[in-house]
């Protein structure tokens, strides 16, 4: 039986109009806790996607509207598209926050990594791939380049035997120090199109994690966060983590249940040794 996008997609979609103020898109993302929204016209036709990265990039233009910042060239699928194709596109286009589902030009739903993970975790079966790189973990405030990821496959092994170390990204890691300025942090997220970055001390011990939402929500909160200048003032300190030897099924359940996009992987001394993301699971 082939499972289609219409069988798994989210039908109740939070959208935004292209002529809406960019500040309104930021508010809707904060309210819904989404990192991207489909952009539609008055006929509900899909015209683009706006992400928190796009908002950050245009945050200094007070007169900007959604259409000025959105991505117009959108990867979309039909309701009849197999979810294995959707998963493949999310792996190929690793920066995708969501994939709109369009029927005759009209937005009818969206597919997210959460949708795919919930389906698989509830008993569905998707093709499994793993990303693995060996080597030393480079940790720097603003790296010149990130090492390319290699892709491999794990075949013939039952899911119950897989560990976090089998699929986590452990090479070319990007982490930042707590004293890094927020504008430089935004550049890290923009450059690599990350949703979140681990924060470490000078010995690579995990101190927290800072996300797009932390940077954007600070401008909505007022008070101390509004005056924040460094990562340490806005980062999340109480971070859920996993360990290399943890069963992959447990880690997968954590990401699916809590809606996380990325979880740091630490050793017994709380040293950052990798990250586990939805892309790795897919």
C-alpha atoms as a PDB file:
ATOM      1  CA  UNK A   1       0.000   0.000   0.000  1.00  0.00           C
ATOM      2  CA  UNK A   2       1.385   3.398  -1.041  1.00  0.00           C
ATOM      3  CA  UNK A   3       0.809   6.125   1.522  1.00  0.00           C
ATOM      4  CA  UNK A   4       0.106   9.519  -0.056  1.00  0.00           C
ATOM      5  CA  UNK A   5       0.686  13.058   1.193  1.00  0.00           C
ATOM      6  CA  UNK A   6      -3.062  13.499   1.718  1.00  0.00           C
ATOM      7  CA  UNK A   7      -2.999  10.613   4.231  1.00  0.00           C
ATOM      8  CA  UNK A   8      -0.391  12.241   6.480  1.00  0.00           C
ATOM      9  CA  UNK A   9      -0.475  16.004   5.797  1.00  0.00           C
ATOM     10  CA  UNK A  10      -1.650  18.665   8.214  1.00  0.00           C
ATOM     11  CA  UNK A  11      -4.860  20.134   6.828  1.00  0.00           C
ATOM     12  CA  UNK A  12      -5.440  22.916   9.349  1.00  0.00           C
ATOM     13  CA  UNK A  13      -2.739  25.275   8.149  1.00  0.00           C
ATOM     14  CA  UNK A  14      -1.700  28.630   9.587  1.00  0.00           C
ATOM     15  CA  UNK A  15      -1.144  30.917   6.597  1.00  0.00           C
ATOM     16  CA  UNK A  16      -0.346  34.562   5.904  1.00  0.00           C
ATOM     17  CA  UNK A  17      -1.149  36.903   3.013  1.00  0.00           C
ATOM     18  CA  UNK A  18       1.662  38.275   0.868  1.00  0.00           C
ATOM     19  CA  UNK A  19       0.630  41.894   1.517  1.00  0.00           C
ATOM     20  CA  UNK A  20       0.528  41.488   5.314  1.00  0.00           C
ATOM     21  CA  UNK A  21       3.136  43.414   7.335  1.00  0.00           C
ATOM     22  CA  UNK A  22       6.229  41.360   8.060  1.00  0.00           C
ATOM     23  CA  UNK A  23       5.670  42.027  11.760  1.00  0.00           C
ATOM     24  CA  UNK A  24       2.355  40.174  11.499  1.00  0.00           C
ATOM     25  CA  UNK A  25       4.109  37.086  10.136  1.00  0.00           C
ATOM     26  CA  UNK A  26       6.520  37.254  13.062  1.00  0.00           C
ATOM     27  CA  UNK A  27       3.597  37.450  15.497  1.00  0.00           C
ATOM     28  CA  UNK A  28       1.799  34.501  13.904  1.00  0.00           C
ATOM     29  CA  UNK A  29       4.925  32.371  14.084  1.00  0.00           C
ATOM     30  CA  UNK A  30       5.378  33.271  17.745  1.00  0.00           C
ATOM     31  CA  UNK A  31       1.716  32.484  18.507  1.00  0.00           C
ATOM     32  CA  UNK A  32       1.701  29.152  16.661  1.00  0.00           C
ATOM     33  CA  UNK A  33       5.328  28.222  17.484  1.00  0.00           C
ATOM     34  CA  UNK A  34       5.981  27.513  13.788  1.00  0.00           C
ATOM     35  CA  UNK A  35       9.228  28.450  12.051  1.00  0.00           C
ATOM     36  CA  UNK A  36       7.654  28.886   8.613  1.00  0.00           C
ATOM     37  CA  UNK A  37       4.275  29.755   7.113  1.00  0.00           C
ATOM     38  CA  UNK A  38       2.808  29.263   3.622  1.00  0.00           C
ATOM     39  CA  UNK A  39       1.986  32.546   1.893  1.00  0.00           C
ATOM     40  CA  UNK A  40      -1.271  32.714  -0.074  1.00  0.00           C
ATOM     41  CA  UNK A  41      -3.239  35.232  -2.091  1.00  0.00           C
ATOM     42  CA  UNK A  42      -6.929  36.075  -1.670  1.00  0.00           C
ATOM     43  CA  UNK A  43      -7.901  32.989  -3.718  1.00  0.00           C
ATOM     44  CA  UNK A  44      -5.918  30.673  -1.414  1.00  0.00           C
ATOM     45  CA  UNK A  45      -3.350  30.060  -4.147  1.00  0.00           C
ATOM     46  CA  UNK A  46       0.163  29.363  -2.886  1.00  0.00           C
ATOM     47  CA  UNK A  47       2.558  32.196  -3.751  1.00  0.00           C
ATOM     48  CA  UNK A  48       5.500  31.501  -1.418  1.00  0.00           C
ATOM     49  CA  UNK A  49       6.790  30.523   2.017  1.00  0.00           C
ATOM     50  CA  UNK A  50       8.030  32.842   4.768  1.00  0.00           C
ATOM     51  CA  UNK A  51      10.391  31.508   7.444  1.00  0.00           C
ATOM     52  CA  UNK A  52      11.904  32.937  10.600  1.00  0.00           C
ATOM     53  CA  UNK A  53      15.183  33.116   8.708  1.00  0.00           C
ATOM     54  CA  UNK A  54      13.483  35.396   6.166  1.00  0.00           C
ATOM     55  CA  UNK A  55      12.098  37.519   8.998  1.00  0.00           C
ATOM     56  CA  UNK A  56      15.551  37.839  10.561  1.00  0.00           C
ATOM     57  CA  UNK A  57      17.043  38.864   7.237  1.00  0.00           C
ATOM     58  CA  UNK A  58      14.556  41.755   6.868  1.00  0.00           C
ATOM     59  CA  UNK A  59      14.147  42.612  10.549  1.00  0.00           C
ATOM     60  CA  UNK A  60      15.516  46.161  10.146  1.00  0.00           C
ATOM     61  CA  UNK A  61      12.962  47.197   7.490  1.00  0.00           C
ATOM     62  CA  UNK A  62       9.920  48.425   9.414  1.00  0.00           C
ATOM     63  CA  UNK A  63       7.865  48.872   6.242  1.00  0.00           C
ATOM     64  CA  UNK A  64       8.514  45.414   4.784  1.00  0.00           C
ATOM     65  CA  UNK A  65       5.593  43.167   3.901  1.00  0.00           C
ATOM     66  CA  UNK A  66       5.611  39.392   3.685  1.00  0.00           C
ATOM     67  CA  UNK A  67       5.968  39.470  -0.092  1.00  0.00           C
ATOM     68  CA  UNK A  68       9.258  41.354   0.216  1.00  0.00           C
ATOM     69  CA  UNK A  69      10.885  38.660   2.325  1.00  0.00           C
ATOM     70  CA  UNK A  70       9.212  35.394   1.333  1.00  0.00           C
ATOM     71  CA  UNK A  71      10.754  32.657  -0.801  1.00  0.00           C
ATOM     72  CA  UNK A  72       8.813  32.453  -4.063  1.00  0.00           C
ATOM     73  CA  UNK A  73      10.426  29.352  -5.545  1.00  0.00           C
ATOM     74  CA  UNK A  74       8.717  26.768  -3.351  1.00  0.00           C
ATOM     75  CA  UNK A  75       9.097  22.985  -3.421  1.00  0.00           C
ATOM     76  CA  UNK A  76       5.519  21.666  -3.282  1.00  0.00           C
ATOM     77  CA  UNK A  77       3.809  18.316  -3.845  1.00  0.00           C
ATOM     78  CA  UNK A  78       0.424  17.016  -4.914  1.00  0.00           C
ATOM     79  CA  UNK A  79      -1.985  15.290  -2.509  1.00  0.00           C
ATOM     80  CA  UNK A  80      -1.296  12.057  -4.408  1.00  0.00           C
ATOM     81  CA  UNK A  81       2.495  12.259  -4.004  1.00  0.00           C
ATOM     82  CA  UNK A  82       3.991   9.303  -2.125  1.00  0.00           C
ATOM     83  CA  UNK A  83       5.350  10.256   1.292  1.00  0.00           C
ATOM     84  CA  UNK A  84       8.596   8.490   0.422  1.00  0.00           C
ATOM     85  CA  UNK A  85       9.044  11.154  -2.289  1.00  0.00           C
ATOM     86  CA  UNK A  86       8.292  13.878   0.248  1.00  0.00           C
ATOM     87  CA  UNK A  87      10.875  12.433   2.655  1.00  0.00           C
ATOM     88  CA  UNK A  88      13.436  12.273  -0.155  1.00  0.00           C
ATOM     89  CA  UNK A  89      12.884  15.941  -1.048  1.00  0.00           C
ATOM     90  CA  UNK A  90      13.258  16.974   2.580  1.00  0.00           C
ATOM     91  CA  UNK A  91      16.593  15.155   2.691  1.00  0.00           C
ATOM     92  CA  UNK A  92      17.795  16.673  -0.592  1.00  0.00           C
ATOM     93  CA  UNK A  93      16.614  20.173   0.315  1.00  0.00           C
ATOM     94  CA  UNK A  94      17.746  20.004   3.933  1.00  0.00           C
ATOM     95  CA  UNK A  95      16.710  23.586   4.749  1.00  0.00           C
ATOM     96  CA  UNK A  96      13.000  22.939   4.109  1.00  0.00           C
ATOM     97  CA  UNK A  97      10.792  23.723   7.100  1.00  0.00           C
ATOM     98  CA  UNK A  98       7.670  22.467   5.380  1.00  0.00           C
ATOM     99  CA  UNK A  99       6.445  21.209   2.025  1.00  0.00           C
ATOM    100  CA  UNK A 100       3.119  22.697   0.871  1.00  0.00           C
ATOM    101  CA  UNK A 101       0.552  20.323  -0.589  1.00  0.00           C
ATOM    102  CA  UNK A 102      -1.142  21.951  -3.571  1.00  0.00           C
ATOM    103  CA  UNK A 103      -4.131  20.834  -5.640  1.00  0.00           C
ATOM    104  CA  UNK A 104      -4.654  22.814  -8.875  1.00  0.00           C
ATOM    105  CA  UNK A 105      -2.711  25.714  -7.420  1.00  0.00           C
ATOM    106  CA  UNK A 106      -4.745  25.840  -4.207  1.00  0.00           C
ATOM    107  CA  UNK A 107      -3.065  25.148  -0.870  1.00  0.00           C
ATOM    108  CA  UNK A 108      -4.796  22.161   0.758  1.00  0.00           C
ATOM    109  CA  UNK A 109      -2.263  21.233   3.458  1.00  0.00           C
ATOM    110  CA  UNK A 110       1.392  21.036   4.445  1.00  0.00           C
ATOM    111  CA  UNK A 111       3.855  18.241   5.091  1.00  0.00           C
ATOM    112  CA  UNK A 112       6.437  18.708   7.827  1.00  0.00           C
ATOM    113  CA  UNK A 113       9.122  16.492   9.285  1.00  0.00           C
ATOM    114  CA  UNK A 114       6.884  16.159  12.332  1.00  0.00           C
ATOM    115  CA  UNK A 115       4.116  14.707  10.156  1.00  0.00           C
ATOM    116  CA  UNK A 116       6.496  12.114   8.742  1.00  0.00           C
ATOM    117  CA  UNK A 117       7.946  11.251  12.132  1.00  0.00           C
ATOM    118  CA  UNK A 118       4.525  10.958  13.761  1.00  0.00           C
ATOM    119  CA  UNK A 119       3.422   8.626  10.978  1.00  0.00           C
ATOM    120  CA  UNK A 120       6.493   6.439  11.288  1.00  0.00           C
ATOM    121  CA  UNK A 121       6.455   6.473  15.090  1.00  0.00           C
ATOM    122  CA  UNK A 122       2.802   5.416  15.117  1.00  0.00           C
ATOM    123  CA  UNK A 123       3.546   2.303  13.131  1.00  0.00           C
ATOM    124  CA  UNK A 124       4.066   3.530   9.581  1.00  0.00           C
ATOM    125  CA  UNK A 125       7.171   2.483   7.727  1.00  0.00           C
ATOM    126  CA  UNK A 126       9.461   4.823   5.844  1.00  0.00           C
ATOM    127  CA  UNK A 127      12.727   4.139   4.144  1.00  0.00           C
ATOM    128  CA  UNK A 128      15.539   4.771   6.616  1.00  0.00           C
ATOM    129  CA  UNK A 129      18.814   6.478   5.818  1.00  0.00           C
ATOM    130  CA  UNK A 130      21.663   7.587   8.042  1.00  0.00           C
ATOM    131  CA  UNK A 131      24.169  10.403   7.895  1.00  0.00           C
ATOM    132  CA  UNK A 132      27.549   9.702   9.385  1.00  0.00           C
ATOM    133  CA  UNK A 133      30.894  11.468   9.432  1.00  0.00           C
ATOM    134  CA  UNK A 134      33.877  10.666  11.608  1.00  0.00           C
ATOM    135  CA  UNK A 135      36.562  13.009  12.780  1.00  0.00           C
ATOM    136  CA  UNK A 136      37.179  15.746  15.296  1.00  0.00           C
ATOM    137  CA  UNK A 137      34.335  18.101  16.165  1.00  0.00           C
ATOM    138  CA  UNK A 138      35.301  21.672  15.249  1.00  0.00           C
ATOM    139  CA  UNK A 139      33.670  24.271  17.497  1.00  0.00           C
ATOM    140  CA  UNK A 140      34.086  27.924  16.552  1.00  0.00           C
ATOM    141  CA  UNK A 141      32.209  31.231  16.961  1.00  0.00           C
ATOM    142  CA  UNK A 142      31.634  31.728  13.230  1.00  0.00           C
ATOM    143  CA  UNK A 143      33.132  28.935  11.095  1.00  0.00           C
ATOM    144  CA  UNK A 144      34.443  29.670   7.612  1.00  0.00           C
ATOM    145  CA  UNK A 145      32.777  26.559   6.244  1.00  0.00           C
ATOM    146  CA  UNK A 146      30.956  23.507   7.436  1.00  0.00           C
ATOM    147  CA  UNK A 147      32.298  20.110   6.437  1.00  0.00           C
ATOM    148  CA  UNK A 148      30.047  18.403   3.867  1.00  0.00           C
ATOM    149  CA  UNK A 149      27.911  15.603   5.142  1.00  0.00           C
ATOM    150  CA  UNK A 150      28.204  12.122   3.761  1.00  0.00           C
ATOM    151  CA  UNK A 151      25.145   9.972   3.304  1.00  0.00           C
ATOM    152  CA  UNK A 152      24.988   6.269   3.886  1.00  0.00           C
ATOM    153  CA  UNK A 153      22.478   3.559   4.455  1.00  0.00           C
ATOM    154  CA  UNK A 154      21.894   1.118   7.242  1.00  0.00           C
ATOM    155  CA  UNK A 155      20.351  -1.963   5.799  1.00  0.00           C
ATOM    156  CA  UNK A 156      19.168  -5.208   7.287  1.00  0.00           C
ATOM    157  CA  UNK A 157      19.302  -4.012  10.891  1.00  0.00           C
ATOM    158  CA  UNK A 158      16.166  -3.836  13.021  1.00  0.00           C
ATOM    159  CA  UNK A 159      15.319  -0.362  14.305  1.00  0.00           C
ATOM    160  CA  UNK A 160      15.574  -1.559  17.903  1.00  0.00           C
ATOM    161  CA  UNK A 161      19.301  -2.248  17.445  1.00  0.00           C
ATOM    162  CA  UNK A 162      20.163   1.235  16.183  1.00  0.00           C
ATOM    163  CA  UNK A 163      21.711   3.804  18.507  1.00  0.00           C
ATOM    164  CA  UNK A 164      21.889   7.583  18.341  1.00  0.00           C
ATOM    165  CA  UNK A 165      25.559   7.296  17.309  1.00  0.00           C
ATOM    166  CA  UNK A 166      24.526   5.407  14.153  1.00  0.00           C
ATOM    167  CA  UNK A 167      22.713   8.353  12.592  1.00  0.00           C
ATOM    168  CA  UNK A 168      23.695  11.539  14.440  1.00  0.00           C
ATOM    169  CA  UNK A 169      25.667  14.294  12.753  1.00  0.00           C
ATOM    170  CA  UNK A 170      29.068  14.273  14.458  1.00  0.00           C
ATOM    171  CA  UNK A 171      31.288  16.033  11.946  1.00  0.00           C
ATOM    172  CA  UNK A 172      31.312  19.630  10.754  1.00  0.00           C
ATOM    173  CA  UNK A 173      29.393  20.705  13.840  1.00  0.00           C
ATOM    174  CA  UNK A 174      28.682  24.386  14.371  1.00  0.00           C
ATOM    175  CA  UNK A 175      28.471  25.677  17.943  1.00  0.00           C
ATOM    176  CA  UNK A 176      28.786  29.144  19.432  1.00  0.00           C
ATOM    177  CA  UNK A 177      30.055  30.667  22.701  1.00  0.00           C
ATOM    178  CA  UNK A 178      27.646  32.343  25.141  1.00  0.00           C
ATOM    179  CA  UNK A 179      29.274  35.769  24.709  1.00  0.00           C
ATOM    180  CA  UNK A 180      28.635  35.901  20.953  1.00  0.00           C
ATOM    181  CA  UNK A 181      26.642  38.961  19.891  1.00  0.00           C
ATOM    182  CA  UNK A 182      23.071  38.367  18.739  1.00  0.00           C
ATOM    183  CA  UNK A 183      23.657  39.895  15.312  1.00  0.00           C
ATOM    184  CA  UNK A 184      26.539  37.477  14.726  1.00  0.00           C
ATOM    185  CA  UNK A 185      24.373  34.611  15.964  1.00  0.00           C
ATOM    186  CA  UNK A 186      21.713  35.582  13.447  1.00  0.00           C
ATOM    187  CA  UNK A 187      24.375  35.445  10.733  1.00  0.00           C
ATOM    188  CA  UNK A 188      25.257  31.869  11.731  1.00  0.00           C
ATOM    189  CA  UNK A 189      21.609  30.821  11.429  1.00  0.00           C
ATOM    190  CA  UNK A 190      21.180  32.704   8.167  1.00  0.00           C
ATOM    191  CA  UNK A 191      24.398  31.378   6.632  1.00  0.00           C
ATOM    192  CA  UNK A 192      23.669  27.724   7.317  1.00  0.00           C
ATOM    193  CA  UNK A 193      19.857  27.946   7.457  1.00  0.00           C
ATOM    194  CA  UNK A 194      19.838  26.284  10.870  1.00  0.00           C
ATOM    195  CA  UNK A 195      16.853  26.480  13.176  1.00  0.00           C
ATOM    196  CA  UNK A 196      19.006  26.233  16.304  1.00  0.00           C
ATOM    197  CA  UNK A 197      22.672  26.109  17.345  1.00  0.00           C
ATOM    198  CA  UNK A 198      24.236  24.591  20.507  1.00  0.00           C
ATOM    199  CA  UNK A 199      25.996  26.957  22.909  1.00  0.00           C
ATOM    200  CA  UNK A 200      29.234  25.659  24.464  1.00  0.00           C
ATOM    201  CA  UNK A 201      32.053  26.877  26.698  1.00  0.00           C
ATOM    202  CA  UNK A 202      35.731  26.861  25.733  1.00  0.00           C
ATOM    203  CA  UNK A 203      35.959  23.142  26.609  1.00  0.00           C
ATOM    204  CA  UNK A 204      32.958  22.230  24.435  1.00  0.00           C
ATOM    205  CA  UNK A 205      30.673  21.591  27.425  1.00  0.00           C
ATOM    206  CA  UNK A 206      27.054  22.175  26.471  1.00  0.00           C
ATOM    207  CA  UNK A 207      25.592  25.284  28.132  1.00  0.00           C
ATOM    208  CA  UNK A 208      22.352  25.612  26.200  1.00  0.00           C
ATOM    209  CA  UNK A 209      20.857  26.099  22.776  1.00  0.00           C
ATOM    210  CA  UNK A 210      19.759  29.207  20.895  1.00  0.00           C
ATOM    211  CA  UNK A 211      17.093  29.095  18.194  1.00  0.00           C
ATOM    212  CA  UNK A 212      15.533  31.357  15.583  1.00  0.00           C
ATOM    213  CA  UNK A 213      12.575  31.660  17.920  1.00  0.00           C
ATOM    214  CA  UNK A 214      14.798  32.893  20.769  1.00  0.00           C
ATOM    215  CA  UNK A 215      16.154  35.668  18.554  1.00  0.00           C
ATOM    216  CA  UNK A 216      12.780  36.696  17.153  1.00  0.00           C
ATOM    217  CA  UNK A 217      10.682  36.356  20.310  1.00  0.00           C
ATOM    218  CA  UNK A 218      13.072  38.611  22.189  1.00  0.00           C
ATOM    219  CA  UNK A 219      11.813  41.580  20.176  1.00  0.00           C
ATOM    220  CA  UNK A 220       8.237  40.775  21.228  1.00  0.00           C
ATOM    221  CA  UNK A 221       8.781  40.242  24.935  1.00  0.00           C
ATOM    222  CA  UNK A 222      10.058  43.613  26.067  1.00  0.00           C
ATOM    223  CA  UNK A 223      12.025  44.096  29.266  1.00  0.00           C
ATOM    224  CA  UNK A 224      15.450  42.520  29.636  1.00  0.00           C
ATOM    225  CA  UNK A 225      15.142  40.314  26.536  1.00  0.00           C
ATOM    226  CA  UNK A 226      14.447  43.392  24.418  1.00  0.00           C
ATOM    227  CA  UNK A 227      17.776  44.850  25.580  1.00  0.00           C
ATOM    228  CA  UNK A 228      19.649  41.573  25.200  1.00  0.00           C
ATOM    229  CA  UNK A 229      22.926  41.775  23.312  1.00  0.00           C
ATOM    230  CA  UNK A 230      24.519  38.339  23.727  1.00  0.00           C
ATOM    231  CA  UNK A 231      23.490  34.715  23.349  1.00  0.00           C
ATOM    232  CA  UNK A 232      23.648  34.024  27.089  1.00  0.00           C
ATOM    233  CA  UNK A 233      20.756  36.440  27.655  1.00  0.00           C
ATOM    234  CA  UNK A 234      18.283  34.699  25.354  1.00  0.00           C
ATOM    235  CA  UNK A 235      19.403  31.065  25.036  1.00  0.00           C
ATOM    236  CA  UNK A 236      17.501  28.112  26.478  1.00  0.00           C
ATOM    237  CA  UNK A 237      19.541  26.651  29.333  1.00  0.00           C
ATOM    238  CA  UNK A 238      17.402  23.696  30.383  1.00  0.00           C
ATOM    239  CA  UNK A 239      18.073  21.570  27.298  1.00  0.00           C
ATOM    240  CA  UNK A 240      16.853  18.074  26.530  1.00  0.00           C
ATOM    241  CA  UNK A 241      19.828  15.961  25.430  1.00  0.00           C
ATOM    242  CA  UNK A 242      20.525  12.429  24.270  1.00  0.00           C
ATOM    243  CA  UNK A 243      23.651  10.284  24.458  1.00  0.00           C
ATOM    244  CA  UNK A 244      25.442   8.364  21.682  1.00  0.00           C
ATOM    245  CA  UNK A 245      24.501   4.997  23.176  1.00  0.00           C
ATOM    246  CA  UNK A 246      20.791   5.763  23.633  1.00  0.00           C
ATOM    247  CA  UNK A 247      18.395   3.612  21.584  1.00  0.00           C
ATOM    248  CA  UNK A 248      17.398   5.460  18.431  1.00  0.00           C
ATOM    249  CA  UNK A 249      13.731   4.608  19.005  1.00  0.00           C
ATOM    250  CA  UNK A 250      13.814   6.532  22.311  1.00  0.00           C
ATOM    251  CA  UNK A 251      15.438   9.578  20.709  1.00  0.00           C
ATOM    252  CA  UNK A 252      12.998   9.447  17.807  1.00  0.00           C
ATOM    253  CA  UNK A 253      10.123   9.396  20.249  1.00  0.00           C
ATOM    254  CA  UNK A 254      11.566  12.459  22.018  1.00  0.00           C
ATOM    255  CA  UNK A 255      11.748  14.504  18.833  1.00  0.00           C
ATOM    256  CA  UNK A 256       8.304  13.391  17.723  1.00  0.00           C
ATOM    257  CA  UNK A 257       6.606  13.828  21.111  1.00  0.00           C
ATOM    258  CA  UNK A 258       8.181  17.181  22.027  1.00  0.00           C
ATOM    259  CA  UNK A 259       8.247  18.645  18.535  1.00  0.00           C
ATOM    260  CA  UNK A 260      12.003  19.313  18.641  1.00  0.00           C
ATOM    261  CA  UNK A 261      13.876  19.984  15.390  1.00  0.00           C
ATOM    262  CA  UNK A 262      17.296  19.244  16.814  1.00  0.00           C
ATOM    263  CA  UNK A 263      18.613  17.686  20.033  1.00  0.00           C
ATOM    264  CA  UNK A 264      22.254  17.966  21.220  1.00  0.00           C
ATOM    265  CA  UNK A 265      24.174  14.728  21.761  1.00  0.00           C
ATOM    266  CA  UNK A 266      26.552  14.792  24.743  1.00  0.00           C
ATOM    267  CA  UNK A 267      28.909  12.338  26.384  1.00  0.00           C
ATOM    268  CA  UNK A 268      29.040  11.429  30.087  1.00  0.00           C
ATOM    269  CA  UNK A 269      30.871  14.713  30.846  1.00  0.00           C
ATOM    270  CA  UNK A 270      28.274  16.876  29.022  1.00  0.00           C
ATOM    271  CA  UNK A 271      30.708  17.541  26.177  1.00  0.00           C
ATOM    272  CA  UNK A 272      28.972  18.151  22.848  1.00  0.00           C
ATOM    273  CA  UNK A 273      29.773  15.260  20.490  1.00  0.00           C
ATOM    274  CA  UNK A 274      27.001  15.614  17.904  1.00  0.00           C
ATOM    275  CA  UNK A 275      23.466  16.675  17.142  1.00  0.00           C
ATOM    276  CA  UNK A 276      20.424  14.634  16.195  1.00  0.00           C
ATOM    277  CA  UNK A 277      17.959  16.323  13.876  1.00  0.00           C
ATOM    278  CA  UNK A 278      14.786  15.399  12.060  1.00  0.00           C
ATOM    279  CA  UNK A 279      16.845  15.258   8.869  1.00  0.00           C
ATOM    280  CA  UNK A 280      19.075  12.603  10.415  1.00  0.00           C
ATOM    281  CA  UNK A 281      16.030  10.551  11.373  1.00  0.00           C
ATOM    282  CA  UNK A 282      14.491  10.845   7.938  1.00  0.00           C
END
